[in-house]
Amino acid sequence: MTAAGEAISYEAARDELLDVVRQLEAGGLPLETSLTLWERGEQLAAQCQSWLDGAKQRLAAKRPGAVTDDDEEDEVE
């Protein structure tokens, strides 16, 4: 596991998240261990989402006229 706030690649975060999910699904862990794994999974999921959001923005910036999530939110308001 990496320290909180340490840079981690998307692939490393995804792989660690999959491992966390496998451990939680297998069960049989003490409550405190399960809670720690759950919290780490939440951190990893947020990191993965951040990577994906950034990639989506980079791709949208490369395509003129592409609609981004920010544009869609502006239309709703």
PDB file of N, CA and C in Angstrom:
ATOM      1  N   MET A   1       0.834  -1.186   0.000  1.00  0.00           N
ATOM      2  CA  MET A   1       0.000   0.000   0.000  1.00  0.00           C
ATOM      3  C   MET A   1       0.871   1.238   0.000  1.00  0.00           C
ATOM      4  N   THR A   2       0.425   2.292  -0.662  1.00  0.00           N
ATOM      5  CA  THR A   2       1.164   3.537  -0.654  1.00  0.00           C
ATOM      6  C   THR A   2       0.601   4.458   0.408  1.00  0.00           C
ATOM      7  N   ALA A   3       1.389   5.427   0.781  1.00  0.00           N
ATOM      8  CA  ALA A   3       0.939   6.382   1.788  1.00  0.00           C
ATOM      9  C   ALA A   3      -0.134   7.286   1.201  1.00  0.00           C
ATOM     10  N   ALA A   4      -1.014   7.765   2.065  1.00  0.00           N
ATOM     11  CA  ALA A   4      -2.075   8.665   1.617  1.00  0.00           C
ATOM     12  C   ALA A   4      -1.456   9.893   0.991  1.00  0.00           C
ATOM     13  N   GLY A   5      -1.984  10.303  -0.146  1.00  0.00           N
ATOM     14  CA  GLY A   5      -1.507  11.495  -0.824  1.00  0.00           C
ATOM     15  C   GLY A   5      -0.327  11.231  -1.753  1.00  0.00           C
ATOM     16  N   GLU A   6       0.263  10.043  -1.699  1.00  0.00           N
ATOM     17  CA  GLU A   6       1.380   9.715  -2.573  1.00  0.00           C
ATOM     18  C   GLU A   6       0.848   9.463  -3.981  1.00  0.00           C
ATOM     19  N   ALA A   7       1.579   9.947  -4.973  1.00  0.00           N
ATOM     20  CA  ALA A   7       1.168   9.760  -6.359  1.00  0.00           C
ATOM     21  C   ALA A   7       1.183   8.267  -6.703  1.00  0.00           C
ATOM     22  N   ILE A   8       0.149   7.840  -7.379  1.00  0.00           N
ATOM     23  CA  ILE A   8       0.024   6.439  -7.775  1.00  0.00           C
ATOM     24  C   ILE A   8      -0.585   6.425  -9.180  1.00  0.00           C
ATOM     25  N   SER A   9      -0.087   5.547 -10.012  1.00  0.00           N
ATOM     26  CA  SER A   9      -0.609   5.478 -11.377  1.00  0.00           C
ATOM     27  C   SER A   9      -2.031   4.916 -11.369  1.00  0.00           C
ATOM     28  N   TYR A  10      -2.741   5.171 -12.456  1.00  0.00           N
ATOM     29  CA  TYR A  10      -4.098   4.640 -12.579  1.00  0.00           C
ATOM     30  C   TYR A  10      -4.076   3.118 -12.474  1.00  0.00           C
ATOM     31  N   GLU A  11      -3.146   2.503 -13.192  1.00  0.00           N
ATOM     32  CA  GLU A  11      -3.085   1.045 -13.220  1.00  0.00           C
ATOM     33  C   GLU A  11      -2.795   0.460 -11.842  1.00  0.00           C
ATOM     34  N   ALA A  12      -1.870   1.102 -11.108  1.00  0.00           N
ATOM     35  CA  ALA A  12      -1.540   0.626  -9.759  1.00  0.00           C
ATOM     36  C   ALA A  12      -2.735   0.790  -8.826  1.00  0.00           C
ATOM     37  N   ALA A  13      -3.431   1.932  -8.926  1.00  0.00           N
ATOM     38  CA  ALA A  13      -4.608   2.169  -8.085  1.00  0.00           C
ATOM     39  C   ALA A  13      -5.710   1.169  -8.410  1.00  0.00           C
ATOM     40  N   ARG A  14      -5.932   0.927  -9.698  1.00  0.00           N
ATOM     41  CA  ARG A  14      -6.966  -0.032 -10.114  1.00  0.00           C
ATOM     42  C   ARG A  14      -6.648  -1.433  -9.623  1.00  0.00           C
ATOM     43  N   ASP A  15      -5.399  -1.852  -9.773  1.00  0.00           N
ATOM     44  CA  ASP A  15      -5.012  -3.198  -9.348  1.00  0.00           C
ATOM     45  C   ASP A  15      -5.134  -3.365  -7.837  1.00  0.00           C
ATOM     46  N   GLU A  16      -4.727  -2.337  -7.101  1.00  0.00           N
ATOM     47  CA  GLU A  16      -4.850  -2.414  -5.643  1.00  0.00           C
ATOM     48  C   GLU A  16      -6.319  -2.421  -5.233  1.00  0.00           C
ATOM     49  N   LEU A  17      -7.144  -1.633  -5.924  1.00  0.00           N
ATOM     50  CA  LEU A  17      -8.580  -1.609  -5.633  1.00  0.00           C
ATOM     51  C   LEU A  17      -9.197  -2.984  -5.878  1.00  0.00           C
ATOM     52  N   LEU A  18      -8.815  -3.633  -6.959  1.00  0.00           N
ATOM     53  CA  LEU A  18      -9.319  -4.985  -7.228  1.00  0.00           C
ATOM     54  C   LEU A  18      -8.919  -5.950  -6.119  1.00  0.00           C
ATOM     55  N   ASP A  19      -7.695  -5.812  -5.624  1.00  0.00           N
ATOM     56  CA  ASP A  19      -7.239  -6.662  -4.524  1.00  0.00           C
ATOM     57  C   ASP A  19      -8.043  -6.403  -3.254  1.00  0.00           C
ATOM     58  N   VAL A  20      -8.321  -5.133  -2.970  1.00  0.00           N
ATOM     59  CA  VAL A  20      -9.124  -4.770  -1.802  1.00  0.00           C
ATOM     60  C   VAL A  20     -10.515  -5.395  -1.912  1.00  0.00           C
ATOM     61  N   VAL A  21     -11.113  -5.284  -3.079  1.00  0.00           N
ATOM     62  CA  VAL A  21     -12.462  -5.839  -3.289  1.00  0.00           C
ATOM     63  C   VAL A  21     -12.450  -7.352  -3.090  1.00  0.00           C
ATOM     64  N   ARG A  22     -11.446  -8.024  -3.652  1.00  0.00           N
ATOM     65  CA  ARG A  22     -11.351  -9.479  -3.488  1.00  0.00           C
ATOM     66  C   ARG A  22     -11.276  -9.867  -2.003  1.00  0.00           C
ATOM     67  N   GLN A  23     -10.448  -9.135  -1.252  1.00  0.00           N
ATOM     68  CA  GLN A  23     -10.301  -9.436   0.175  1.00  0.00           C
ATOM     69  C   GLN A  23     -11.617  -9.221   0.923  1.00  0.00           C
ATOM     70  N   LEU A  24     -12.302  -8.129   0.616  1.00  0.00           N
ATOM     71  CA  LEU A  24     -13.573  -7.849   1.293  1.00  0.00           C
ATOM     72  C   LEU A  24     -14.638  -8.876   0.915  1.00  0.00           C
ATOM     73  N   GLU A  25     -14.678  -9.259  -0.357  1.00  0.00           N
ATOM     74  CA  GLU A  25     -15.670 -10.238  -0.795  1.00  0.00           C
ATOM     75  C   GLU A  25     -15.409 -11.619  -0.211  1.00  0.00           C
ATOM     76  N   ALA A  26     -14.147 -11.936   0.029  1.00  0.00           N
ATOM     77  CA  ALA A  26     -13.806 -13.245   0.592  1.00  0.00           C
ATOM     78  C   ALA A  26     -14.314 -13.367   2.026  1.00  0.00           C
ATOM     79  N   GLY A  27     -14.390 -12.227   2.718  1.00  0.00           N
ATOM     80  CA  GLY A  27     -14.911 -12.241   4.086  1.00  0.00           C
ATOM     81  C   GLY A  27     -13.958 -12.872   5.072  1.00  0.00           C
ATOM     82  N   GLY A  28     -14.467 -13.053   6.281  1.00  0.00           N
ATOM     83  CA  GLY A  28     -13.682 -13.684   7.322  1.00  0.00           C
ATOM     84  C   GLY A  28     -12.639 -12.800   7.975  1.00  0.00           C
ATOM     85  N   LEU A  29     -12.663 -11.513   7.662  1.00  0.00           N
ATOM     86  CA  LEU A  29     -11.691 -10.590   8.240  1.00  0.00           C
ATOM     87  C   LEU A  29     -12.253  -9.950   9.494  1.00  0.00           C
ATOM     88  N   PRO A  30     -11.384  -9.581  10.429  1.00  0.00           N
ATOM     89  CA  PRO A  30     -11.850  -8.837  11.603  1.00  0.00           C
ATOM     90  C   PRO A  30     -12.461  -7.509  11.156  1.00  0.00           C
ATOM     91  N   LEU A  31     -13.382  -7.000  11.940  1.00  0.00           N
ATOM     92  CA  LEU A  31     -14.084  -5.768  11.594  1.00  0.00           C
ATOM     93  C   LEU A  31     -13.122  -4.624  11.312  1.00  0.00           C
ATOM     94  N   GLU A  32     -12.139  -4.422  12.166  1.00  0.00           N
ATOM     95  CA  GLU A  32     -11.205  -3.307  11.991  1.00  0.00           C
ATOM     96  C   GLU A  32     -10.440  -3.430  10.668  1.00  0.00           C
ATOM     97  N   THR A  33     -10.042  -4.639  10.326  1.00  0.00           N
ATOM     98  CA  THR A  33      -9.347  -4.864   9.058  1.00  0.00           C
ATOM     99  C   THR A  33     -10.268  -4.559   7.883  1.00  0.00           C
ATOM    100  N   SER A  34     -11.510  -4.994   7.982  1.00  0.00           N
ATOM    101  CA  SER A  34     -12.483  -4.718   6.919  1.00  0.00           C
ATOM    102  C   SER A  34     -12.705  -3.220   6.757  1.00  0.00           C
ATOM    103  N   LEU A  35     -12.821  -2.506   7.868  1.00  0.00           N
ATOM    104  CA  LEU A  35     -13.013  -1.059   7.798  1.00  0.00           C
ATOM    105  C   LEU A  35     -11.812  -0.364   7.172  1.00  0.00           C
ATOM    106  N   THR A  36     -10.617  -0.798   7.538  1.00  0.00           N
ATOM    107  CA  THR A  36      -9.404  -0.218   6.965  1.00  0.00           C
ATOM    108  C   THR A  36      -9.348  -0.472   5.466  1.00  0.00           C
ATOM    109  N   LEU A  37      -9.682  -1.690   5.057  1.00  0.00           N
ATOM    110  CA  LEU A  37      -9.707  -2.013   3.627  1.00  0.00           C
ATOM    111  C   LEU A  37     -10.764  -1.190   2.895  1.00  0.00           C
ATOM    112  N   TRP A  38     -11.929  -1.045   3.505  1.00  0.00           N
ATOM    113  CA  TRP A  38     -13.009  -0.261   2.896  1.00  0.00           C
ATOM    114  C   TRP A  38     -12.551   1.182   2.667  1.00  0.00           C
ATOM    115  N   GLU A  39     -11.928   1.770   3.696  1.00  0.00           N
ATOM    116  CA  GLU A  39     -11.448   3.146   3.578  1.00  0.00           C
ATOM    117  C   GLU A  39     -10.398   3.271   2.481  1.00  0.00           C
ATOM    118  N   ARG A  40      -9.496   2.300   2.410  1.00  0.00           N
ATOM    119  CA  ARG A  40      -8.474   2.323   1.356  1.00  0.00           C
ATOM    120  C   ARG A  40      -9.144   2.182  -0.009  1.00  0.00           C
ATOM    121  N   GLY A  41     -10.136   1.328  -0.095  1.00  0.00           N
ATOM    122  CA  GLY A  41     -10.863   1.167  -1.353  1.00  0.00           C
ATOM    123  C   GLY A  41     -11.523   2.460  -1.796  1.00  0.00           C
ATOM    124  N   GLU A  42     -12.084   3.198  -0.853  1.00  0.00           N
ATOM    125  CA  GLU A  42     -12.699   4.491  -1.180  1.00  0.00           C
ATOM    126  C   GLU A  42     -11.656   5.462  -1.718  1.00  0.00           C
ATOM    127  N   GLN A  43     -10.475   5.492  -1.093  1.00  0.00           N
ATOM    128  CA  GLN A  43      -9.395   6.363  -1.565  1.00  0.00           C
ATOM    129  C   GLN A  43      -8.966   5.976  -2.973  1.00  0.00           C
ATOM    130  N   LEU A  44      -8.797   4.694  -3.189  1.00  0.00           N
ATOM    131  CA  LEU A  44      -8.359   4.212  -4.501  1.00  0.00           C
ATOM    132  C   LEU A  44      -9.402   4.491  -5.574  1.00  0.00           C
ATOM    133  N   ALA A  45     -10.673   4.292  -5.243  1.00  0.00           N
ATOM    134  CA  ALA A  45     -11.746   4.569  -6.202  1.00  0.00           C
ATOM    135  C   ALA A  45     -11.746   6.049  -6.581  1.00  0.00           C
ATOM    136  N   ALA A  46     -11.533   6.920  -5.596  1.00  0.00           N
ATOM    137  CA  ALA A  46     -11.482   8.361  -5.865  1.00  0.00           C
ATOM    138  C   ALA A  46     -10.287   8.704  -6.750  1.00  0.00           C
ATOM    139  N   GLN A  47      -9.144   8.064  -6.504  1.00  0.00           N
ATOM    140  CA  GLN A  47      -7.968   8.308  -7.331  1.00  0.00           C
ATOM    141  C   GLN A  47      -8.212   7.844  -8.767  1.00  0.00           C
ATOM    142  N   CYS A  48      -8.811   6.675  -8.920  1.00  0.00           N
ATOM    143  CA  CYS A  48      -9.121   6.170 -10.264  1.00  0.00           C
ATOM    144  C   CYS A  48     -10.072   7.118 -10.983  1.00  0.00           C
ATOM    145  N   GLN A  49     -11.098   7.579 -10.283  1.00  0.00           N
ATOM    146  CA  GLN A  49     -12.061   8.493 -10.893  1.00  0.00           C
ATOM    147  C   GLN A  49     -11.382   9.792 -11.301  1.00  0.00           C
ATOM    148  N   SER A  50     -10.469  10.268 -10.476  1.00  0.00           N
ATOM    149  CA  SER A  50      -9.733  11.492 -10.797  1.00  0.00           C
ATOM    150  C   SER A  50      -8.896  11.304 -12.058  1.00  0.00           C
ATOM    151  N   TRP A  51      -8.220  10.176 -12.164  1.00  0.00           N
ATOM    152  CA  TRP A  51      -7.445   9.876 -13.365  1.00  0.00           C
ATOM    153  C   TRP A  51      -8.355   9.828 -14.597  1.00  0.00           C
ATOM    154  N   LEU A  52      -9.489   9.162 -14.474  1.00  0.00           N
ATOM    155  CA  LEU A  52     -10.406   9.043 -15.607  1.00  0.00           C
ATOM    156  C   LEU A  52     -10.998  10.395 -16.002  1.00  0.00           C
ATOM    157  N   ASP A  53     -11.350  11.214 -15.010  1.00  0.00           N
ATOM    158  CA  ASP A  53     -11.871  12.548 -15.298  1.00  0.00           C
ATOM    159  C   ASP A  53     -10.827  13.396 -16.018  1.00  0.00           C
ATOM    160  N   GLY A  54      -9.588  13.306 -15.559  1.00  0.00           N
ATOM    161  CA  GLY A  54      -8.507  14.053 -16.197  1.00  0.00           C
ATOM    162  C   GLY A  54      -8.278  13.605 -17.634  1.00  0.00           C
ATOM    163  N   ALA A  55      -8.324  12.302 -17.851  1.00  0.00           N
ATOM    164  CA  ALA A  55      -8.143  11.778 -19.207  1.00  0.00           C
ATOM    165  C   ALA A  55      -9.283  12.243 -20.115  1.00  0.00           C
ATOM    166  N   LYS A  56     -10.496  12.236 -19.577  1.00  0.00           N
ATOM    167  CA  LYS A  56     -11.658  12.677 -20.353  1.00  0.00           C
ATOM    168  C   LYS A  56     -11.516  14.150 -20.741  1.00  0.00           C
ATOM    169  N   GLN A  57     -11.054  14.965 -19.804  1.00  0.00           N
ATOM    170  CA  GLN A  57     -10.860  16.389 -20.093  1.00  0.00           C
ATOM    171  C   GLN A  57      -9.773  16.599 -21.138  1.00  0.00           C
ATOM    172  N   ARG A  58      -8.688  15.840 -21.025  1.00  0.00           N
ATOM    173  CA  ARG A  58      -7.606  15.963 -22.012  1.00  0.00           C
ATOM    174  C   ARG A  58      -8.089  15.584 -23.402  1.00  0.00           C
ATOM    175  N   LEU A  59      -8.869  14.509 -23.486  1.00  0.00           N
ATOM    176  CA  LEU A  59      -9.397  14.098 -24.792  1.00  0.00           C
ATOM    177  C   LEU A  59     -10.364  15.136 -25.347  1.00  0.00           C
ATOM    178  N   ALA A  60     -11.213  15.659 -24.486  1.00  0.00           N
ATOM    179  CA  ALA A  60     -12.178  16.662 -24.929  1.00  0.00           C
ATOM    180  C   ALA A  60     -11.476  17.917 -25.423  1.00  0.00           C
ATOM    181  N   ALA A  61     -10.378  18.271 -24.780  1.00  0.00           N
ATOM    182  CA  ALA A  61      -9.636  19.464 -25.196  1.00  0.00           C
ATOM    183  C   ALA A  61      -9.006  19.280 -26.570  1.00  0.00           C
ATOM    184  N   LYS A  62      -8.751  18.048 -26.951  1.00  0.00           N
ATOM    185  CA  LYS A  62      -8.137  17.751 -28.254  1.00  0.00           C
ATOM    186  C   LYS A  62      -9.154  17.694 -29.386  1.00  0.00           C
ATOM    187  N   ARG A  63     -10.441  17.624 -29.022  1.00  0.00           N
ATOM    188  CA  ARG A  63     -11.489  17.521 -30.039  1.00  0.00           C
ATOM    189  C   ARG A  63     -12.300  18.811 -30.054  1.00  0.00           C
ATOM    190  N   PRO A  64     -12.093  19.643 -31.040  1.00  0.00           N
ATOM    191  CA  PRO A  64     -12.863  20.889 -31.116  1.00  0.00           C
ATOM    192  C   PRO A  64     -14.361  20.581 -31.235  1.00  0.00           C
ATOM    193  N   GLY A  65     -15.151  21.336 -30.497  1.00  0.00           N
ATOM    194  CA  GLY A  65     -16.600  21.180 -30.564  1.00  0.00           C
ATOM    195  C   GLY A  65     -17.139  20.048 -29.722  1.00  0.00           C
ATOM    196  N   ALA A  66     -16.270  19.332 -29.015  1.00  0.00           N
ATOM    197  CA  ALA A  66     -16.733  18.231 -28.173  1.00  0.00           C
ATOM    198  C   ALA A  66     -17.427  18.796 -26.941  1.00  0.00           C
ATOM    199  N   VAL A  67     -18.487  18.138 -26.520  1.00  0.00           N
ATOM    200  CA  VAL A  67     -19.228  18.552 -25.336  1.00  0.00           C
ATOM    201  C   VAL A  67     -18.620  17.866 -24.129  1.00  0.00           C
ATOM    202  N   THR A  68     -18.279  18.647 -23.093  1.00  0.00           N
ATOM    203  CA  THR A  68     -17.727  18.094 -21.863  1.00  0.00           C
ATOM    204  C   THR A  68     -18.811  18.066 -20.799  1.00  0.00           C
ATOM    205  N   ASP A  69     -18.539  17.390 -19.690  1.00  0.00           N
ATOM    206  CA  ASP A  69     -19.485  17.359 -18.565  1.00  0.00           C
ATOM    207  C   ASP A  69     -19.772  18.758 -18.068  1.00  0.00           C
ATOM    208  N   ASP A  70     -18.753  19.624 -18.057  1.00  0.00           N
ATOM    209  CA  ASP A  70     -18.943  21.002 -17.603  1.00  0.00           C
ATOM    210  C   ASP A  70     -19.937  21.723 -18.491  1.00  0.00           C
ATOM    211  N   ASP A  71     -19.859  21.491 -19.801  1.00  0.00           N
ATOM    212  CA  ASP A  71     -20.808  22.118 -20.729  1.00  0.00           C
ATOM    213  C   ASP A  71     -22.227  21.622 -20.474  1.00  0.00           C
ATOM    214  N   GLU A  72     -22.367  20.320 -20.236  1.00  0.00           N
ATOM    215  CA  GLU A  72     -23.693  19.749 -19.993  1.00  0.00           C
ATOM    216  C   GLU A  72     -24.303  20.304 -18.718  1.00  0.00           C
ATOM    217  N   GLU A  73     -23.469  20.490 -17.671  1.00  0.00           N
ATOM    218  CA  GLU A  73     -23.978  21.045 -16.423  1.00  0.00           C
ATOM    219  C   GLU A  73     -24.440  22.473 -16.613  1.00  0.00           C
ATOM    220  N   ASP A  74     -23.728  23.252 -17.429  1.00  0.00           N
ATOM    221  CA  ASP A  74     -24.107  24.628 -17.693  1.00  0.00           C
ATOM    222  C   ASP A  74     -25.458  24.697 -18.389  1.00  0.00           C
ATOM    223  N   GLU A  75     -25.735  23.736 -19.278  1.00  0.00           N
ATOM    224  CA  GLU A  75     -27.000  23.732 -20.009  1.00  0.00           C
ATOM    225  C   GLU A  75     -28.177  23.459 -19.092  1.00  0.00           C
ATOM    226  N   VAL A  76     -27.973  22.663 -18.042  1.00  0.00           N
ATOM    227  CA  VAL A  76     -29.053  22.286 -17.132  1.00  0.00           C
ATOM    228  C   VAL A  76     -29.487  23.466 -16.275  1.00  0.00           C
ATOM    229  N   GLU A  77     -28.528  24.308 -15.920  1.00  0.00           N
ATOM    230  CA  GLU A  77     -28.824  25.419 -15.006  1.00  0.00           C
ATOM    231  C   GLU A  77     -29.680  26.485 -15.625  1.00  0.00           C
TER     232      GLU A  77
END
